[in-house]
Amino acid sequence: MKKNKKMKLKTHRGAAKRFKITSTGKVLRWHSGKRHLLGTKKPRRMRKLLNKVAVNQADVKNVRLALPYGIK
């Protein structure tokens, strides 16, 4: 007899490219503003833009819904 299995949830591919979930469960994102007009930006500012930063707590729920299996 066949069992009714739940369907797999799909990962939102746009969110998978933009966010990372750490092993401790934090949701990280990258800074914007690194694509063009780079000559006008100071080196210190560019170094700060390279780092990842935690997603705002208000947005974490939506990101987790888009990434049901926790993309690393």
N, C-alpha and C. Protein backbone atom coordinates (compact mmCIF):
# COMPACT_ATOMS: atom_id res chain seq x y z
N MET A 1 0.83 -1.17 0.00
CA MET A 1 0.00 0.00 0.00
C MET A 1 0.89 1.25 0.00
N LYS A 2 0.51 2.25 -0.82
CA LYS A 2 1.28 3.49 -0.94
C LYS A 2 0.92 4.45 0.18
N LYS A 3 1.92 5.07 0.77
CA LYS A 3 1.67 6.10 1.77
C LYS A 3 1.63 7.46 1.08
N ASN A 4 0.77 8.31 1.55
CA ASN A 4 0.73 9.68 1.03
C ASN A 4 1.84 10.48 1.70
N LYS A 5 2.81 10.88 0.91
CA LYS A 5 3.92 11.66 1.43
C LYS A 5 3.66 13.14 1.18
N LYS A 6 4.18 13.97 2.06
CA LYS A 6 4.08 15.40 1.85
C LYS A 6 4.99 15.79 0.69
N MET A 7 4.56 16.79 -0.04
CA MET A 7 5.40 17.26 -1.14
C MET A 7 6.58 18.04 -0.57
N LYS A 8 7.68 17.99 -1.28
CA LYS A 8 8.84 18.76 -0.87
C LYS A 8 8.57 20.24 -1.10
N LEU A 9 9.12 21.07 -0.22
CA LEU A 9 8.99 22.51 -0.37
C LEU A 9 10.08 23.01 -1.31
N LYS A 10 9.72 23.99 -2.10
CA LYS A 10 10.70 24.54 -3.04
C LYS A 10 11.43 25.71 -2.41
N THR A 11 12.74 25.76 -2.64
CA THR A 11 13.57 26.87 -2.20
C THR A 11 13.40 28.02 -3.18
N HIS A 12 13.23 29.22 -2.67
CA HIS A 12 13.18 30.41 -3.52
C HIS A 12 14.59 30.69 -4.00
N ARG A 13 14.83 30.53 -5.29
CA ARG A 13 16.20 30.60 -5.81
C ARG A 13 16.80 31.99 -5.66
N GLY A 14 15.99 33.04 -5.76
CA GLY A 14 16.52 34.39 -5.56
C GLY A 14 17.01 34.59 -4.14
N ALA A 15 16.26 34.05 -3.17
CA ALA A 15 16.66 34.16 -1.78
C ALA A 15 17.90 33.32 -1.50
N ALA A 16 18.01 32.17 -2.16
CA ALA A 16 19.16 31.30 -1.95
C ALA A 16 20.46 31.98 -2.39
N LYS A 17 20.36 32.85 -3.38
CA LYS A 17 21.55 33.55 -3.86
C LYS A 17 21.90 34.75 -3.00
N ARG A 18 20.94 35.26 -2.23
CA ARG A 18 21.13 36.50 -1.48
C ARG A 18 21.38 36.31 0.01
N PHE A 19 21.00 35.16 0.55
CA PHE A 19 21.10 34.95 1.99
C PHE A 19 21.84 33.68 2.31
N LYS A 20 22.39 33.64 3.53
CA LYS A 20 23.09 32.45 4.01
C LYS A 20 22.64 32.22 5.45
N ILE A 21 22.36 30.96 5.78
CA ILE A 21 22.00 30.62 7.15
C ILE A 21 23.20 29.90 7.77
N THR A 22 23.67 30.42 8.89
CA THR A 22 24.85 29.84 9.54
C THR A 22 24.46 28.58 10.30
N SER A 23 25.46 27.87 10.77
CA SER A 23 25.18 26.63 11.51
C SER A 23 24.50 26.92 12.85
N THR A 24 24.67 28.14 13.38
CA THR A 24 24.00 28.50 14.62
C THR A 24 22.60 29.06 14.38
N GLY A 25 22.22 29.23 13.11
CA GLY A 25 20.86 29.66 12.79
C GLY A 25 20.72 31.12 12.44
N LYS A 26 21.82 31.87 12.45
CA LYS A 26 21.72 33.28 12.07
C LYS A 26 21.54 33.40 10.56
N VAL A 27 20.80 34.43 10.13
CA VAL A 27 20.60 34.69 8.71
C VAL A 27 21.46 35.88 8.33
N LEU A 28 22.35 35.68 7.35
CA LEU A 28 23.27 36.73 6.93
C LEU A 28 22.94 37.21 5.53
N ARG A 29 23.29 38.46 5.26
CA ARG A 29 23.13 39.03 3.92
C ARG A 29 24.40 39.81 3.59
N TRP A 30 24.55 40.12 2.32
CA TRP A 30 25.67 40.93 1.87
C TRP A 30 25.21 42.36 1.68
N HIS A 31 26.13 43.29 1.72
CA HIS A 31 25.81 44.69 1.49
C HIS A 31 25.58 44.94 0.00
N SER A 32 24.77 45.93 -0.29
CA SER A 32 24.59 46.36 -1.67
C SER A 32 25.56 47.51 -1.96
N GLY A 33 25.63 47.93 -3.21
CA GLY A 33 26.44 49.09 -3.56
C GLY A 33 27.85 48.77 -4.00
N LYS A 34 28.09 47.56 -4.52
CA LYS A 34 29.45 47.19 -4.94
C LYS A 34 29.54 46.91 -6.44
N ARG A 35 28.55 47.31 -7.21
CA ARG A 35 28.52 46.93 -8.63
C ARG A 35 29.09 47.99 -9.58
N HIS A 36 28.79 49.25 -9.32
CA HIS A 36 29.25 50.28 -10.25
C HIS A 36 29.53 51.56 -9.48
N LEU A 37 30.12 52.55 -10.14
CA LEU A 37 30.55 53.81 -9.53
C LEU A 37 31.50 53.56 -8.35
N LEU A 38 32.42 52.64 -8.55
CA LEU A 38 33.31 52.25 -7.46
C LEU A 38 34.44 53.25 -7.26
N GLY A 39 34.76 54.03 -8.29
CA GLY A 39 35.86 54.98 -8.18
C GLY A 39 35.58 56.11 -7.21
N THR A 40 34.30 56.39 -6.95
CA THR A 40 33.95 57.49 -6.05
C THR A 40 33.87 57.04 -4.60
N LYS A 41 33.96 55.74 -4.36
CA LYS A 41 33.81 55.22 -3.00
C LYS A 41 35.17 55.04 -2.34
N LYS A 42 35.26 55.47 -1.12
CA LYS A 42 36.52 55.39 -0.38
C LYS A 42 36.86 53.93 -0.05
N PRO A 43 38.15 53.62 0.04
CA PRO A 43 38.56 52.24 0.36
C PRO A 43 37.99 51.74 1.67
N ARG A 44 37.90 52.61 2.66
CA ARG A 44 37.33 52.19 3.95
C ARG A 44 35.86 51.77 3.79
N ARG A 45 35.13 52.54 3.01
CA ARG A 45 33.73 52.21 2.75
C ARG A 45 33.60 50.89 1.99
N MET A 46 34.49 50.67 1.03
CA MET A 46 34.45 49.43 0.25
C MET A 46 34.75 48.22 1.14
N ARG A 47 35.70 48.37 2.06
CA ARG A 47 36.00 47.27 2.98
C ARG A 47 34.79 46.93 3.84
N LYS A 48 34.06 47.94 4.28
CA LYS A 48 32.87 47.70 5.09
C LYS A 48 31.77 47.03 4.27
N LEU A 49 31.68 47.36 2.99
CA LEU A 49 30.65 46.76 2.14
C LEU A 49 30.94 45.29 1.84
N LEU A 50 32.21 44.88 1.96
CA LEU A 50 32.56 43.49 1.65
C LEU A 50 32.05 42.51 2.70
N ASN A 51 31.87 42.99 3.94
CA ASN A 51 31.50 42.09 5.03
C ASN A 51 30.02 41.72 4.99
N LYS A 52 29.72 40.56 5.53
CA LYS A 52 28.33 40.14 5.68
C LYS A 52 27.77 40.73 6.95
N VAL A 53 26.45 40.88 7.00
CA VAL A 53 25.79 41.45 8.17
C VAL A 53 24.51 40.66 8.43
N ALA A 54 24.09 40.61 9.67
CA ALA A 54 22.88 39.86 10.03
C ALA A 54 21.64 40.57 9.47
N VAL A 55 20.67 39.77 9.04
CA VAL A 55 19.41 40.30 8.53
C VAL A 55 18.61 40.86 9.71
N ASN A 56 17.89 41.94 9.47
CA ASN A 56 17.05 42.54 10.50
C ASN A 56 16.07 41.50 11.03
N GLN A 57 15.85 41.52 12.34
CA GLN A 57 15.00 40.52 12.99
C GLN A 57 13.58 40.50 12.43
N ALA A 58 13.10 41.65 11.96
CA ALA A 58 11.75 41.73 11.39
C ALA A 58 11.64 40.96 10.08
N ASP A 59 12.76 40.77 9.37
CA ASP A 59 12.74 40.12 8.07
C ASP A 59 13.15 38.65 8.12
N VAL A 60 13.65 38.18 9.24
CA VAL A 60 14.17 36.81 9.33
C VAL A 60 13.10 35.77 9.02
N LYS A 61 11.87 36.00 9.51
CA LYS A 61 10.79 35.03 9.29
C LYS A 61 10.54 34.82 7.80
N ASN A 62 10.49 35.90 7.04
CA ASN A 62 10.23 35.79 5.60
C ASN A 62 11.38 35.08 4.88
N VAL A 63 12.60 35.35 5.29
CA VAL A 63 13.75 34.69 4.65
C VAL A 63 13.72 33.19 4.93
N ARG A 64 13.39 32.83 6.16
CA ARG A 64 13.33 31.40 6.51
C ARG A 64 12.23 30.68 5.75
N LEU A 65 11.11 31.35 5.48
CA LEU A 65 10.05 30.75 4.67
C LEU A 65 10.52 30.51 3.24
N ALA A 66 11.35 31.41 2.73
CA ALA A 66 11.86 31.27 1.37
C ALA A 66 12.95 30.20 1.29
N LEU A 67 13.61 29.92 2.41
CA LEU A 67 14.68 28.92 2.46
C LEU A 67 14.29 27.82 3.44
N PRO A 68 13.39 26.93 3.05
CA PRO A 68 12.89 25.93 4.01
C PRO A 68 13.93 24.94 4.49
N TYR A 69 14.98 24.72 3.73
CA TYR A 69 15.98 23.73 4.11
C TYR A 69 17.30 24.36 4.54
N GLY A 70 17.31 25.67 4.77
CA GLY A 70 18.48 26.34 5.31
C GLY A 70 19.71 26.26 4.42
N ILE A 71 19.74 27.06 3.37
CA ILE A 71 20.88 27.06 2.44
C ILE A 71 22.12 27.55 3.16
N LYS A 72 23.26 26.85 2.94
CA LYS A 72 24.53 27.26 3.55
C LYS A 72 25.41 27.90 2.52
